[in-house]
């Protein structure tokens, strides 16, 4: 049986988590106001009140820091919980396929509202930083994998049309909830939040059921 965490170990872990969050908050402020390229690690360290080495020790390099900024924005009030765990919990609590669809529609509105500006920074940075481009690819692949769990739940609840595989269902969920779709419809074309959320729910039903 593994040893239980001691009080001193818990305090160190909590301090480390708090430091990481403070750094991510500072990085978010600068990257949203200045852009990714203009937000140097030195400037972020000054904003957070830490040394540059502390950023490397707590979070990692600049691309990894951008990933932490996205995690913080996506988690919102559920921070520091991991976003996939939050979605998994909500889907698991659904009692029918229509409820799963509503959970997903609510989720896409909630998360995309919080992360739209960060995804804009990531998209811009990916054109000039290969590590951010790789981050963008990995995060997209991770979302596709996570939506596979929602697809499996829909299958168990008889919410997928005959002949549709879990992989195909996950791809449909991924595409409809993609951050770029939200940015295009809401940020660029001026759709309201309610219109976007209702469209996602109808589109999911039409694609999956």
C-alpha atoms as a PDB file:
ATOM      1  CA  UNK A   1       0.000   0.000   0.000  1.00  0.00           C
ATOM      2  CA  UNK A   2       1.408   3.413  -0.977  1.00  0.00           C
ATOM      3  CA  UNK A   3       2.427   5.765   1.808  1.00  0.00           C
ATOM      4  CA  UNK A   4      -0.089   8.476   2.604  1.00  0.00           C
ATOM      5  CA  UNK A   5       0.831  12.065   1.769  1.00  0.00           C
ATOM      6  CA  UNK A   6       2.345  13.855   4.757  1.00  0.00           C
ATOM      7  CA  UNK A   7       1.206  17.366   5.744  1.00  0.00           C
ATOM      8  CA  UNK A   8       4.496  18.843   4.548  1.00  0.00           C
ATOM      9  CA  UNK A   9       4.214  17.034   1.215  1.00  0.00           C
ATOM     10  CA  UNK A  10       0.663  18.275   0.807  1.00  0.00           C
ATOM     11  CA  UNK A  11       1.742  21.859   1.528  1.00  0.00           C
ATOM     12  CA  UNK A  12       4.551  21.597  -1.030  1.00  0.00           C
ATOM     13  CA  UNK A  13       2.166  20.199  -3.629  1.00  0.00           C
ATOM     14  CA  UNK A  14      -0.392  22.933  -2.944  1.00  0.00           C
ATOM     15  CA  UNK A  15       2.293  25.646  -3.132  1.00  0.00           C
ATOM     16  CA  UNK A  16       3.555  24.216  -6.426  1.00  0.00           C
ATOM     17  CA  UNK A  17       0.020  24.142  -7.851  1.00  0.00           C
ATOM     18  CA  UNK A  18      -0.625  27.712  -6.692  1.00  0.00           C
ATOM     19  CA  UNK A  19       2.628  28.916  -8.261  1.00  0.00           C
ATOM     20  CA  UNK A  20       1.798  27.195 -11.551  1.00  0.00           C
ATOM     21  CA  UNK A  21      -1.640  28.800 -11.587  1.00  0.00           C
ATOM     22  CA  UNK A  22      -0.235  32.262 -10.809  1.00  0.00           C
ATOM     23  CA  UNK A  23       2.237  31.891 -13.678  1.00  0.00           C
ATOM     24  CA  UNK A  24      -0.519  30.753 -16.056  1.00  0.00           C
ATOM     25  CA  UNK A  25      -2.732  33.681 -15.046  1.00  0.00           C
ATOM     26  CA  UNK A  26       0.108  36.135 -15.642  1.00  0.00           C
ATOM     27  CA  UNK A  27       0.941  34.530 -18.989  1.00  0.00           C
ATOM     28  CA  UNK A  28      -2.703  34.709 -20.026  1.00  0.00           C
ATOM     29  CA  UNK A  29      -2.872  38.427 -19.281  1.00  0.00           C
ATOM     30  CA  UNK A  30       0.213  39.196 -21.338  1.00  0.00           C
ATOM     31  CA  UNK A  31      -0.467  36.840 -24.235  1.00  0.00           C
ATOM     32  CA  UNK A  32      -4.003  38.134 -24.661  1.00  0.00           C
ATOM     33  CA  UNK A  33      -2.879  41.763 -24.575  1.00  0.00           C
ATOM     34  CA  UNK A  34       0.470  41.538 -26.396  1.00  0.00           C
ATOM     35  CA  UNK A  35       0.290  38.306 -28.353  1.00  0.00           C
ATOM     36  CA  UNK A  36       2.400  35.175 -27.984  1.00  0.00           C
ATOM     37  CA  UNK A  37       5.593  36.358 -29.667  1.00  0.00           C
ATOM     38  CA  UNK A  38       5.766  39.673 -27.788  1.00  0.00           C
ATOM     39  CA  UNK A  39       5.199  37.985 -24.412  1.00  0.00           C
ATOM     40  CA  UNK A  40       8.694  36.903 -23.421  1.00  0.00           C
ATOM     41  CA  UNK A  41       9.297  34.530 -20.545  1.00  0.00           C
ATOM     42  CA  UNK A  42      11.141  37.343 -18.793  1.00  0.00           C
ATOM     43  CA  UNK A  43       8.091  39.599 -19.055  1.00  0.00           C
ATOM     44  CA  UNK A  44       5.789  36.813 -17.876  1.00  0.00           C
ATOM     45  CA  UNK A  45       8.095  36.089 -14.930  1.00  0.00           C
ATOM     46  CA  UNK A  46       8.038  39.754 -13.958  1.00  0.00           C
ATOM     47  CA  UNK A  47       4.241  39.840 -14.256  1.00  0.00           C
ATOM     48  CA  UNK A  48       3.951  36.757 -12.047  1.00  0.00           C
ATOM     49  CA  UNK A  49       6.573  37.928  -9.561  1.00  0.00           C
ATOM     50  CA  UNK A  50       8.806  34.885 -10.053  1.00  0.00           C
ATOM     51  CA  UNK A  51      12.138  34.046 -11.652  1.00  0.00           C
ATOM     52  CA  UNK A  52      12.297  32.776 -15.226  1.00  0.00           C
ATOM     53  CA  UNK A  53      13.753  29.508 -13.933  1.00  0.00           C
ATOM     54  CA  UNK A  54      10.657  29.093 -11.771  1.00  0.00           C
ATOM     55  CA  UNK A  55       8.554  29.061 -14.948  1.00  0.00           C
ATOM     56  CA  UNK A  56      10.703  26.283 -16.375  1.00  0.00           C
ATOM     57  CA  UNK A  57      10.578  24.342 -13.102  1.00  0.00           C
ATOM     58  CA  UNK A  58       6.833  24.777 -12.547  1.00  0.00           C
ATOM     59  CA  UNK A  59       5.423  24.663 -16.067  1.00  0.00           C
ATOM     60  CA  UNK A  60       8.061  24.163 -18.746  1.00  0.00           C
ATOM     61  CA  UNK A  61       9.001  26.044 -21.889  1.00  0.00           C
ATOM     62  CA  UNK A  62       6.934  28.753 -23.558  1.00  0.00           C
ATOM     63  CA  UNK A  63       4.783  26.364 -25.604  1.00  0.00           C
ATOM     64  CA  UNK A  64       4.063  24.283 -22.509  1.00  0.00           C
ATOM     65  CA  UNK A  65       3.146  27.477 -20.693  1.00  0.00           C
ATOM     66  CA  UNK A  66       0.661  28.315 -23.459  1.00  0.00           C
ATOM     67  CA  UNK A  67      -0.825  24.835 -22.979  1.00  0.00           C
ATOM     68  CA  UNK A  68      -1.196  25.541 -19.248  1.00  0.00           C
ATOM     69  CA  UNK A  69      -2.930  28.830 -20.073  1.00  0.00           C
ATOM     70  CA  UNK A  70      -5.413  26.927 -22.245  1.00  0.00           C
ATOM     71  CA  UNK A  71      -5.999  24.350 -19.491  1.00  0.00           C
ATOM     72  CA  UNK A  72      -6.715  27.089 -16.967  1.00  0.00           C
ATOM     73  CA  UNK A  73      -9.156  28.874 -19.273  1.00  0.00           C
ATOM     74  CA  UNK A  74     -10.932  25.659 -20.267  1.00  0.00           C
ATOM     75  CA  UNK A  75     -11.361  24.443 -16.675  1.00  0.00           C
ATOM     76  CA  UNK A  76     -12.934  27.707 -15.496  1.00  0.00           C
ATOM     77  CA  UNK A  77     -14.655  27.276 -12.162  1.00  0.00           C
ATOM     78  CA  UNK A  78     -13.674  23.593 -12.116  1.00  0.00           C
ATOM     79  CA  UNK A  79      -9.946  24.395 -11.968  1.00  0.00           C
ATOM     80  CA  UNK A  80      -7.655  22.714 -11.100  1.00  0.00           C
ATOM     81  CA  UNK A  81      -9.662  19.672 -12.256  1.00  0.00           C
ATOM     82  CA  UNK A  82      -8.687  18.382 -15.689  1.00  0.00           C
ATOM     83  CA  UNK A  83     -11.201  19.245 -18.381  1.00  0.00           C
ATOM     84  CA  UNK A  84     -11.613  15.652 -19.688  1.00  0.00           C
ATOM     85  CA  UNK A  85     -12.525  14.513 -16.174  1.00  0.00           C
ATOM     86  CA  UNK A  86     -15.200  17.204 -15.872  1.00  0.00           C
ATOM     87  CA  UNK A  87     -16.781  16.268 -19.209  1.00  0.00           C
ATOM     88  CA  UNK A  88     -16.554  12.561 -18.355  1.00  0.00           C
ATOM     89  CA  UNK A  89     -18.414  13.171 -15.100  1.00  0.00           C
ATOM     90  CA  UNK A  90     -21.177  15.160 -16.788  1.00  0.00           C
ATOM     91  CA  UNK A  91     -21.664  12.602 -19.558  1.00  0.00           C
ATOM     92  CA  UNK A  92     -21.671   9.714 -17.063  1.00  0.00           C
ATOM     93  CA  UNK A  93     -24.450  11.423 -15.110  1.00  0.00           C
ATOM     94  CA  UNK A  94     -26.682  11.633 -18.192  1.00  0.00           C
ATOM     95  CA  UNK A  95     -29.588   9.178 -18.144  1.00  0.00           C
ATOM     96  CA  UNK A  96     -30.493   9.174 -21.842  1.00  0.00           C
ATOM     97  CA  UNK A  97     -28.988   9.917 -25.238  1.00  0.00           C
ATOM     98  CA  UNK A  98     -30.849  13.265 -25.635  1.00  0.00           C
ATOM     99  CA  UNK A  99     -29.417  14.343 -22.274  1.00  0.00           C
ATOM    100  CA  UNK A 100     -25.888  13.450 -23.454  1.00  0.00           C
ATOM    101  CA  UNK A 101     -26.459  15.600 -26.541  1.00  0.00           C
ATOM    102  CA  UNK A 102     -27.622  18.504 -24.365  1.00  0.00           C
ATOM    103  CA  UNK A 103     -24.593  18.060 -22.103  1.00  0.00           C
ATOM    104  CA  UNK A 104     -22.295  18.262 -25.127  1.00  0.00           C
ATOM    105  CA  UNK A 105     -24.052  21.346 -26.528  1.00  0.00           C
ATOM    106  CA  UNK A 106     -23.846  23.107 -23.161  1.00  0.00           C
ATOM    107  CA  UNK A 107     -20.217  22.033 -22.849  1.00  0.00           C
ATOM    108  CA  UNK A 108     -19.178  23.430 -26.221  1.00  0.00           C
ATOM    109  CA  UNK A 109     -20.759  26.789 -25.486  1.00  0.00           C
ATOM    110  CA  UNK A 110     -19.243  26.943 -22.001  1.00  0.00           C
ATOM    111  CA  UNK A 111     -15.709  25.919 -22.962  1.00  0.00           C
ATOM    112  CA  UNK A 112     -15.520  27.767 -26.272  1.00  0.00           C
ATOM    113  CA  UNK A 113     -16.676  30.994 -24.641  1.00  0.00           C
ATOM    114  CA  UNK A 114     -13.826  30.693 -22.142  1.00  0.00           C
ATOM    115  CA  UNK A 115     -11.122  29.615 -24.569  1.00  0.00           C
ATOM    116  CA  UNK A 116     -11.895  31.431 -27.834  1.00  0.00           C
ATOM    117  CA  UNK A 117      -9.310  34.165 -27.231  1.00  0.00           C
ATOM    118  CA  UNK A 118      -6.640  31.656 -26.166  1.00  0.00           C
ATOM    119  CA  UNK A 119      -7.282  29.517 -29.244  1.00  0.00           C
ATOM    120  CA  UNK A 120      -6.843  32.649 -31.338  1.00  0.00           C
ATOM    121  CA  UNK A 121      -3.428  33.175 -29.733  1.00  0.00           C
ATOM    122  CA  UNK A 122      -2.538  29.525 -30.358  1.00  0.00           C
ATOM    123  CA  UNK A 123      -3.572  29.687 -34.028  1.00  0.00           C
ATOM    124  CA  UNK A 124      -1.513  32.826 -34.586  1.00  0.00           C
ATOM    125  CA  UNK A 125       1.503  31.454 -32.711  1.00  0.00           C
ATOM    126  CA  UNK A 126       1.374  28.138 -34.581  1.00  0.00           C
ATOM    127  CA  UNK A 127       2.289  29.924 -37.804  1.00  0.00           C
ATOM    128  CA  UNK A 128       5.641  31.044 -36.392  1.00  0.00           C
ATOM    129  CA  UNK A 129       6.459  28.473 -33.685  1.00  0.00           C
ATOM    130  CA  UNK A 130       6.709  24.784 -34.576  1.00  0.00           C
ATOM    131  CA  UNK A 131       6.305  23.747 -30.936  1.00  0.00           C
ATOM    132  CA  UNK A 132       2.974  25.591 -30.726  1.00  0.00           C
ATOM    133  CA  UNK A 133       1.909  24.026 -34.032  1.00  0.00           C
ATOM    134  CA  UNK A 134       2.628  20.622 -32.516  1.00  0.00           C
ATOM    135  CA  UNK A 135       0.737  21.639 -29.365  1.00  0.00           C
ATOM    136  CA  UNK A 136      -2.275  22.583 -31.494  1.00  0.00           C
ATOM    137  CA  UNK A 137      -2.145  19.210 -33.270  1.00  0.00           C
ATOM    138  CA  UNK A 138      -1.845  17.245 -30.026  1.00  0.00           C
ATOM    139  CA  UNK A 139      -4.671  19.123 -28.346  1.00  0.00           C
ATOM    140  CA  UNK A 140      -6.930  18.479 -31.340  1.00  0.00           C
ATOM    141  CA  UNK A 141      -6.063  14.771 -31.223  1.00  0.00           C
ATOM    142  CA  UNK A 142      -6.722  14.675 -27.474  1.00  0.00           C
ATOM    143  CA  UNK A 143     -10.163  16.235 -27.940  1.00  0.00           C
ATOM    144  CA  UNK A 144     -11.011  13.638 -30.586  1.00  0.00           C
ATOM    145  CA  UNK A 145      -9.973  10.859 -28.204  1.00  0.00           C
ATOM    146  CA  UNK A 146     -11.992  12.321 -25.343  1.00  0.00           C
ATOM    147  CA  UNK A 147     -15.117  12.596 -27.474  1.00  0.00           C
ATOM    148  CA  UNK A 148     -14.783   8.890 -28.162  1.00  0.00           C
ATOM    149  CA  UNK A 149     -15.905   8.362 -24.573  1.00  0.00           C
ATOM    150  CA  UNK A 150     -19.023  10.447 -25.205  1.00  0.00           C
ATOM    151  CA  UNK A 151     -19.676   8.431 -28.355  1.00  0.00           C
ATOM    152  CA  UNK A 152     -19.419   5.204 -26.365  1.00  0.00           C
ATOM    153  CA  UNK A 153     -21.910   6.545 -23.841  1.00  0.00           C
ATOM    154  CA  UNK A 154     -24.307   7.409 -26.656  1.00  0.00           C
ATOM    155  CA  UNK A 155     -23.995   3.886 -28.030  1.00  0.00           C
ATOM    156  CA  UNK A 156     -24.790   2.377 -24.635  1.00  0.00           C
ATOM    157  CA  UNK A 157     -27.862   4.623 -24.456  1.00  0.00           C
ATOM    158  CA  UNK A 158     -28.892   3.681 -28.021  1.00  0.00           C
ATOM    159  CA  UNK A 159     -28.190   7.185 -29.232  1.00  0.00           C
ATOM    160  CA  UNK A 160     -26.175   6.387 -32.384  1.00  0.00           C
ATOM    161  CA  UNK A 161     -27.729   5.565 -35.734  1.00  0.00           C
ATOM    162  CA  UNK A 162     -27.179   2.082 -37.096  1.00  0.00           C
ATOM    163  CA  UNK A 163     -23.878   1.569 -38.895  1.00  0.00           C
ATOM    164  CA  UNK A 164     -22.126   4.532 -37.239  1.00  0.00           C
ATOM    165  CA  UNK A 165     -18.948   3.581 -35.401  1.00  0.00           C
ATOM    166  CA  UNK A 166     -17.795   5.216 -32.180  1.00  0.00           C
ATOM    167  CA  UNK A 167     -14.841   6.665 -34.099  1.00  0.00           C
ATOM    168  CA  UNK A 168     -17.148   8.262 -36.677  1.00  0.00           C
ATOM    169  CA  UNK A 169     -19.396   9.622 -33.938  1.00  0.00           C
ATOM    170  CA  UNK A 170     -16.391  11.064 -32.086  1.00  0.00           C
ATOM    171  CA  UNK A 171     -15.247  12.759 -35.306  1.00  0.00           C
ATOM    172  CA  UNK A 172     -18.690  14.335 -35.772  1.00  0.00           C
ATOM    173  CA  UNK A 173     -18.713  15.606 -32.177  1.00  0.00           C
ATOM    174  CA  UNK A 174     -15.156  16.917 -32.589  1.00  0.00           C
ATOM    175  CA  UNK A 175     -15.957  18.753 -35.813  1.00  0.00           C
ATOM    176  CA  UNK A 176     -19.176  20.375 -34.610  1.00  0.00           C
ATOM    177  CA  UNK A 177     -17.648  21.531 -31.336  1.00  0.00           C
ATOM    178  CA  UNK A 178     -14.337  22.664 -32.851  1.00  0.00           C
ATOM    179  CA  UNK A 179     -13.060  26.002 -31.488  1.00  0.00           C
ATOM    180  CA  UNK A 180     -12.641  27.356 -35.015  1.00  0.00           C
ATOM    181  CA  UNK A 181     -16.326  26.707 -35.747  1.00  0.00           C
ATOM    182  CA  UNK A 182     -17.246  28.694 -32.632  1.00  0.00           C
ATOM    183  CA  UNK A 183     -14.892  31.536 -33.564  1.00  0.00           C
ATOM    184  CA  UNK A 184     -16.262  31.699 -37.100  1.00  0.00           C
ATOM    185  CA  UNK A 185     -19.937  31.629 -36.142  1.00  0.00           C
ATOM    186  CA  UNK A 186     -19.891  33.653 -32.923  1.00  0.00           C
ATOM    187  CA  UNK A 187     -16.817  35.886 -32.996  1.00  0.00           C
ATOM    188  CA  UNK A 188     -16.631  36.604 -36.708  1.00  0.00           C
ATOM    189  CA  UNK A 189     -20.228  36.272 -37.924  1.00  0.00           C
ATOM    190  CA  UNK A 190     -21.912  37.572 -34.790  1.00  0.00           C
ATOM    191  CA  UNK A 191     -24.086  34.632 -33.786  1.00  0.00           C
ATOM    192  CA  UNK A 192     -25.460  34.901 -30.272  1.00  0.00           C
ATOM    193  CA  UNK A 193     -24.601  32.355 -27.604  1.00  0.00           C
ATOM    194  CA  UNK A 194     -28.118  30.887 -27.565  1.00  0.00           C
ATOM    195  CA  UNK A 195     -28.206  30.539 -31.353  1.00  0.00           C
ATOM    196  CA  UNK A 196     -24.820  28.804 -31.355  1.00  0.00           C
ATOM    197  CA  UNK A 197     -25.729  26.419 -28.547  1.00  0.00           C
ATOM    198  CA  UNK A 198     -29.079  25.505 -30.124  1.00  0.00           C
ATOM    199  CA  UNK A 199     -27.430  24.938 -33.507  1.00  0.00           C
ATOM    200  CA  UNK A 200     -24.846  22.611 -31.924  1.00  0.00           C
ATOM    201  CA  UNK A 201     -27.567  20.542 -30.249  1.00  0.00           C
ATOM    202  CA  UNK A 202     -29.604  20.228 -33.461  1.00  0.00           C
ATOM    203  CA  UNK A 203     -26.517  19.446 -35.534  1.00  0.00           C
ATOM    204  CA  UNK A 204     -25.376  16.764 -33.076  1.00  0.00           C
ATOM    205  CA  UNK A 205     -28.818  15.141 -33.121  1.00  0.00           C
ATOM    206  CA  UNK A 206     -28.908  15.221 -36.897  1.00  0.00           C
ATOM    207  CA  UNK A 207     -25.405  13.790 -37.248  1.00  0.00           C
ATOM    208  CA  UNK A 208     -25.557  11.080 -34.603  1.00  0.00           C
ATOM    209  CA  UNK A 209     -29.122   9.891 -34.049  1.00  0.00           C
END
